[in-house]
Amino acid sequence: MACIAVTLAAGPARAQSDAVAAQSMFNEARALLEQGRTEEACVLFEKSAVLEPNVGTLLNLGGCHEQRGQLATAWGVYNRALRLAIKRGDPRVATAREEAARIEPRLARVTIALAPGLGSTPGLTVTRNGAPVSAAVFDVATPVDAGEHVIVVRAPHHRPWTDRRRVDDGAAVVVRVPALERDASDAPLPDTRTRVAFGVGVGGVAAVAGGLVLGAIAIGKWSSVTDACPVTDGVALCPSETVQAQRRDDAESAQTFATVSTIVTGVGLVALAAGIVLGLTAPTRTHHAMRSSPFTF
């Protein structure tokens, strides 16, 4: 029971500690502003807003971003302060609304327009300054801070496309992304069935070639038999017993080579035909990838 009580008490205690730390950083940041140490003050306002967001901190943080020239970021923070003020009934609702409205006309906006059909490319990703861009903001004029912006579009088996340009305050820029070029060096590997078909076909060709070689040997053996002992009226006339014995051996060898040649050639032709059939009926390989489009705004 005591453990449960300690656990329940830890939450409010931690929240109170964060609130105290946030207030301390806010006070220090205000003092730094009065000393003209704006950059240091902005860092503390950011930390304070992380620990304990409140309307005053957000308004000051928006002012910091504005002084840095980050108008789009400042505009987003002012609007965040506005939503928080409305939610809490804070009297600074009008101030937050006025600050956001004051800088809105000066915002730079970038529209990323994809070529027709490009958005449906499997695995397509778009980044701006390294951060993912959601498909939800394609063709939408999106506020951005002034400065250099690098947009990179990638998709599997395609060459990446990059656009680099400087965007000034108040500018309206449209980045038109063309259709991506296929990457010839990234061709898909053949599937297992295709590889098997290729191996069987090559084996069949080798077997047929071997059978033809054995057949040629058989023909050569039989020629030596007929040359040594010419056949007259169906009788082989050999000059000696030794030649006659050699004739019998050569005749048996010729018959053996002929038989093996027939078998090997037949097997090779069957393998070659099987390889061709497997290759022609192998399914086309298709790549599937889930489209990644995390939202950033």
Protein backbone atom coordinates (compact mmCIF):
# COMPACT_ATOMS: atom_id res chain seq x y z
CA MET A 1 0.00 0.00 0.00
CA ALA A 2 2.86 2.33 0.84
CA CYS A 3 4.45 1.60 -2.57
CA ILE A 4 1.23 2.58 -4.31
CA ALA A 5 1.08 5.83 -2.38
CA VAL A 6 4.65 6.68 -3.30
CA THR A 7 3.95 5.96 -6.98
CA LEU A 8 0.84 8.15 -7.02
CA ALA A 9 2.71 10.98 -5.36
CA ALA A 10 5.64 10.81 -7.79
CA GLY A 11 3.57 12.08 -10.76
CA PRO A 12 2.44 15.39 -9.21
CA ALA A 13 5.86 15.90 -7.62
CA ARG A 14 7.61 15.50 -10.98
CA ALA A 15 5.12 17.84 -12.67
CA GLN A 16 5.68 20.45 -9.96
CA SER A 17 9.45 20.11 -10.36
CA ASP A 18 9.16 20.62 -14.14
CA ALA A 19 6.96 23.66 -13.64
CA VAL A 20 9.46 25.20 -11.22
CA ALA A 21 12.37 24.55 -13.59
CA ALA A 22 10.40 25.95 -16.53
CA GLN A 23 9.55 29.13 -14.59
CA SER A 24 13.18 29.55 -13.56
CA MET A 25 14.39 29.24 -17.15
CA PHE A 26 11.69 31.67 -18.29
CA ASN A 27 12.78 34.28 -15.75
CA GLU A 28 16.43 33.85 -16.73
CA ALA A 29 15.56 34.15 -20.40
CA ARG A 30 13.70 37.41 -19.78
CA ALA A 31 16.74 38.78 -17.95
CA LEU A 32 19.00 37.80 -20.85
CA LEU A 33 16.68 39.62 -23.28
CA GLU A 34 17.03 42.80 -21.28
CA GLN A 35 20.82 42.43 -21.53
CA GLY A 36 20.61 42.01 -25.30
CA ARG A 37 21.70 38.39 -25.19
CA THR A 38 18.90 37.27 -27.48
CA GLU A 39 20.34 33.97 -28.70
CA GLU A 40 20.95 32.67 -25.19
CA ALA A 41 17.47 33.78 -24.16
CA CYS A 42 15.90 31.92 -27.10
CA VAL A 43 17.58 28.67 -26.06
CA LEU A 44 16.12 28.96 -22.56
CA PHE A 45 12.64 29.83 -23.87
CA GLU A 46 12.75 26.66 -26.00
CA LYS A 47 13.71 24.51 -23.02
CA SER A 48 11.09 26.13 -20.84
CA ALA A 49 8.38 25.48 -23.44
CA VAL A 50 9.34 21.80 -23.59
CA LEU A 51 9.02 21.36 -19.82
CA GLU A 52 5.91 23.49 -19.27
CA PRO A 53 4.21 25.02 -22.32
CA ASN A 54 2.31 28.21 -21.48
CA VAL A 55 1.09 31.17 -23.47
CA GLY A 56 3.74 33.62 -22.29
CA THR A 57 6.63 31.29 -23.01
CA LEU A 58 5.30 30.49 -26.48
CA LEU A 59 4.80 34.16 -27.32
CA ASN A 60 8.38 34.92 -26.30
CA LEU A 61 9.64 31.87 -28.20
CA GLY A 62 7.77 33.04 -31.30
CA GLY A 63 9.46 36.41 -30.97
CA CYS A 64 12.85 34.70 -30.76
CA HIS A 65 12.25 32.78 -33.99
CA GLU A 66 11.09 35.98 -35.64
CA GLN A 67 14.31 37.77 -34.66
CA ARG A 68 16.27 34.86 -36.09
CA GLY A 69 14.49 35.32 -39.41
CA GLN A 70 12.53 32.07 -39.05
CA LEU A 71 9.14 33.55 -39.85
CA ALA A 72 7.35 30.29 -40.67
CA THR A 73 8.55 28.72 -37.43
CA ALA A 74 7.54 31.85 -35.49
CA TRP A 75 4.12 31.81 -37.16
CA GLY A 76 3.63 28.18 -36.11
CA VAL A 77 4.58 28.98 -32.49
CA TYR A 78 2.27 32.01 -32.37
CA ASN A 79 -0.59 29.81 -33.57
CA ARG A 80 0.29 27.24 -30.96
CA ALA A 81 0.11 29.97 -28.33
CA LEU A 82 -3.26 31.03 -29.75
CA ARG A 83 -4.71 27.52 -29.46
CA LEU A 84 -3.40 27.18 -25.90
CA ALA A 85 -4.80 30.58 -24.90
CA ILE A 86 -8.23 29.67 -26.27
CA LYS A 87 -8.15 26.33 -24.46
CA ARG A 88 -7.20 27.90 -21.12
CA GLY A 89 -9.27 31.05 -21.45
CA ASP A 90 -6.11 33.15 -21.31
CA PRO A 91 -6.69 36.89 -21.96
CA ARG A 92 -3.74 36.91 -24.40
CA VAL A 93 -5.83 35.26 -27.13
CA ALA A 94 -5.97 38.55 -29.03
CA THR A 95 -2.22 39.09 -28.69
CA ALA A 96 -1.39 35.65 -30.06
CA ARG A 97 -3.85 36.09 -32.95
CA GLU A 98 -2.44 39.52 -33.81
CA GLU A 99 1.16 38.27 -33.77
CA ALA A 100 0.34 35.38 -36.11
CA ALA A 101 -1.67 37.62 -38.46
CA ARG A 102 1.06 40.28 -38.49
CA ILE A 103 3.74 38.05 -40.01
CA GLU A 104 1.54 35.78 -42.13
CA PRO A 105 1.71 38.00 -45.27
CA ARG A 106 5.53 37.89 -45.13
CA LEU A 107 5.78 34.10 -45.09
CA ALA A 108 7.64 32.25 -47.85
CA ARG A 109 5.67 29.35 -49.28
CA VAL A 110 6.84 26.31 -51.23
CA THR A 111 4.59 24.06 -53.30
CA ILE A 112 5.88 20.61 -54.27
CA ALA A 113 4.09 19.55 -57.46
CA LEU A 114 4.70 15.98 -58.63
CA ALA A 115 4.47 14.87 -62.26
CA PRO A 116 1.22 13.01 -63.08
CA GLY A 117 1.35 9.47 -61.74
CA LEU A 118 4.59 9.98 -59.81
CA GLY A 119 2.79 10.04 -56.48
CA SER A 120 1.67 6.41 -56.94
CA THR A 121 5.23 5.12 -57.46
CA PRO A 122 5.88 2.32 -54.91
CA GLY A 123 8.32 3.36 -52.19
CA LEU A 124 8.35 7.04 -53.22
CA THR A 125 9.84 9.39 -50.60
CA VAL A 126 10.18 13.17 -50.65
CA THR A 127 12.35 15.11 -48.22
CA ARG A 128 12.93 18.81 -47.68
CA ASN A 129 16.21 19.69 -45.97
CA GLY A 130 16.42 16.04 -44.87
CA ALA A 131 12.97 15.94 -43.24
CA PRO A 132 10.24 13.70 -44.74
CA VAL A 133 7.41 15.51 -46.52
CA SER A 134 3.92 14.06 -46.26
CA ALA A 135 1.93 13.27 -49.38
CA ALA A 136 -0.84 15.34 -47.77
CA VAL A 137 1.05 18.58 -48.53
CA PHE A 138 1.88 17.84 -52.17
CA ASP A 139 0.45 20.61 -54.37
CA VAL A 140 -0.16 22.73 -51.25
CA ALA A 141 1.61 26.07 -50.66
CA THR A 142 3.38 25.31 -47.38
CA PRO A 143 4.97 28.06 -45.21
CA VAL A 144 8.75 27.66 -44.86
CA ASP A 145 11.53 29.66 -43.29
CA ALA A 146 13.59 31.76 -45.69
CA GLY A 147 16.91 30.31 -46.80
CA GLU A 148 18.22 27.47 -48.93
CA HIS A 149 15.92 24.50 -49.37
CA VAL A 150 16.94 21.13 -50.80
CA ILE A 151 14.19 18.82 -52.01
CA VAL A 152 15.09 15.21 -52.81
CA VAL A 153 12.73 12.69 -54.39
CA ARG A 154 13.60 8.98 -54.31
CA ALA A 155 12.00 5.69 -55.35
CA PRO A 156 13.37 2.13 -55.59
CA HIS A 157 15.00 1.33 -58.96
CA HIS A 158 14.90 5.01 -60.00
CA ARG A 159 17.52 7.73 -60.06
CA PRO A 160 17.00 10.29 -57.27
CA TRP A 161 15.94 13.81 -58.26
CA THR A 162 17.20 16.89 -56.38
CA ASP A 163 16.17 20.54 -56.42
CA ARG A 164 18.22 23.14 -54.55
CA ARG A 165 17.17 26.77 -54.36
CA ARG A 166 17.05 29.82 -52.10
CA VAL A 167 13.66 31.01 -50.91
CA ASP A 168 13.16 34.58 -49.69
CA ASP A 169 10.52 35.94 -47.32
CA GLY A 170 7.22 36.55 -49.09
CA ALA A 171 8.17 34.38 -52.07
CA ALA A 172 5.82 31.79 -53.54
CA VAL A 173 7.89 29.00 -55.07
CA VAL A 174 6.58 26.02 -57.01
CA VAL A 175 8.95 23.03 -57.26
CA ARG A 176 7.86 20.87 -60.19
CA VAL A 177 9.13 17.30 -59.86
CA PRO A 178 9.38 15.45 -63.21
CA ALA A 179 8.93 11.72 -63.74
CA LEU A 180 11.89 9.85 -62.26
CA GLU A 181 14.29 8.06 -64.60
CA ARG A 182 14.69 4.31 -64.25
CA ASP A 183 18.06 3.18 -62.89
CA ALA A 184 19.37 0.65 -65.43
CA SER A 185 22.11 -0.50 -63.04
CA ASP A 186 19.51 -1.54 -60.48
CA ALA A 187 17.70 -4.17 -62.55
CA PRO A 188 15.96 -6.89 -60.47
CA LEU A 189 17.68 -10.24 -60.17
CA PRO A 190 16.04 -13.22 -61.90
CA ASP A 191 13.84 -15.37 -59.69
CA THR A 192 14.69 -18.95 -58.67
CA ARG A 193 12.66 -20.55 -61.46
CA THR A 194 14.47 -18.50 -64.08
CA ARG A 195 17.84 -19.50 -62.65
CA VAL A 196 16.83 -23.17 -62.64
CA ALA A 197 15.64 -22.92 -66.24
CA PHE A 198 18.96 -21.41 -67.26
CA GLY A 199 20.94 -24.15 -65.49
CA VAL A 200 18.85 -26.96 -66.97
CA GLY A 201 19.14 -25.46 -70.44
CA VAL A 202 22.91 -25.10 -70.18
CA GLY A 203 23.18 -28.69 -68.92
CA GLY A 204 21.07 -29.87 -71.85
CA VAL A 205 23.29 -28.10 -74.36
CA ALA A 206 26.39 -29.63 -72.74
CA ALA A 207 24.85 -33.12 -72.84
CA VAL A 208 23.90 -32.80 -76.50
CA ALA A 209 27.42 -31.63 -77.32
CA GLY A 210 28.88 -34.56 -75.38
CA GLY A 211 26.58 -37.01 -77.17
CA LEU A 212 27.67 -35.70 -80.55
CA VAL A 213 31.32 -36.09 -79.56
CA LEU A 214 30.70 -39.72 -78.49
CA GLY A 215 28.88 -40.35 -81.77
CA ALA A 216 31.86 -39.02 -83.71
CA ILE A 217 34.15 -41.36 -81.77
CA ALA A 218 31.84 -44.30 -82.55
CA ILE A 219 31.92 -43.45 -86.26
CA GLY A 220 35.72 -43.21 -86.14
CA LYS A 221 35.96 -46.62 -84.43
CA TRP A 222 33.69 -48.25 -87.02
CA SER A 223 35.68 -46.72 -89.87
CA SER A 224 38.88 -48.25 -88.51
CA VAL A 225 37.11 -51.63 -88.37
CA THR A 226 36.04 -51.54 -92.02
CA ASP A 227 39.41 -50.21 -93.16
CA ALA A 228 41.36 -53.00 -91.43
CA CYS A 229 39.09 -55.81 -92.54
CA PRO A 230 37.14 -55.00 -95.74
CA VAL A 231 33.84 -56.84 -96.05
CA THR A 232 33.35 -58.83 -99.25
CA ASP A 233 30.07 -60.70 -99.89
CA GLY A 234 29.17 -60.24 -96.24
CA VAL A 235 32.47 -61.67 -94.97
CA ALA A 236 35.20 -59.63 -93.28
CA LEU A 237 38.56 -60.45 -94.71
CA CYS A 238 41.29 -59.78 -92.16
CA PRO A 239 44.97 -60.15 -93.02
CA SER A 240 45.79 -61.89 -89.71
CA GLU A 241 44.36 -63.24 -86.47
CA THR A 242 45.76 -60.24 -84.61
CA VAL A 243 43.96 -57.80 -86.88
CA GLN A 244 40.78 -59.86 -86.59
CA ALA A 245 40.96 -59.66 -82.76
CA GLN A 246 41.53 -55.91 -82.95
CA ARG A 247 38.55 -55.66 -85.31
CA ARG A 248 36.31 -57.33 -82.74
CA ASP A 249 37.51 -55.00 -79.99
CA ASP A 250 37.01 -51.90 -82.16
CA ALA A 251 33.57 -53.10 -83.23
CA GLU A 252 32.50 -53.55 -79.59
CA SER A 253 33.91 -50.11 -78.70
CA ALA A 254 32.11 -48.51 -81.63
CA GLN A 255 28.84 -50.12 -80.53
CA THR A 256 29.34 -48.96 -76.93
CA PHE A 257 30.15 -45.38 -77.93
CA ALA A 258 27.15 -45.35 -80.29
CA THR A 259 24.80 -46.56 -77.54
CA VAL A 260 26.12 -44.05 -74.96
CA SER A 261 25.97 -41.26 -77.57
CA THR A 262 22.31 -42.01 -78.27
CA ILE A 263 21.42 -42.00 -74.56
CA VAL A 264 23.39 -38.82 -73.69
CA THR A 265 22.09 -36.92 -76.71
CA GLY A 266 18.51 -37.91 -75.89
CA VAL A 267 18.86 -36.81 -72.25
CA GLY A 268 20.44 -33.54 -73.39
CA LEU A 269 17.61 -32.81 -75.80
CA VAL A 270 15.03 -33.47 -73.06
CA ALA A 271 16.90 -31.18 -70.60
CA LEU A 272 17.22 -28.46 -73.22
CA ALA A 273 13.50 -28.62 -73.96
CA ALA A 274 12.69 -28.54 -70.22
CA GLY A 275 14.91 -25.49 -69.73
CA ILE A 276 13.18 -23.66 -72.56
CA VAL A 277 9.73 -24.46 -71.17
CA LEU A 278 10.71 -23.36 -67.64
CA GLY A 279 12.18 -20.13 -68.97
CA LEU A 280 9.13 -19.28 -71.05
CA THR A 281 6.70 -19.99 -68.21
CA ALA A 282 8.69 -18.28 -65.40
CA PRO A 283 6.54 -15.57 -63.72
CA THR A 284 7.58 -11.93 -64.02
CA ARG A 285 9.09 -10.62 -60.80
CA THR A 286 7.18 -7.74 -59.27
CA HIS A 287 8.42 -5.52 -56.45
CA HIS A 288 5.96 -4.34 -53.81
CA ALA A 289 6.84 -1.60 -51.33
CA MET A 290 4.74 0.27 -48.86
CA ARG A 291 4.73 3.95 -49.50
CA SER A 292 6.34 5.94 -46.72
CA SER A 293 4.98 9.41 -46.19
CA PRO A 294 5.34 10.56 -42.57
CA PHE A 295 3.66 13.90 -41.97
CA THR A 296 5.77 16.98 -41.23
CA PHE A 297 4.37 20.39 -40.62
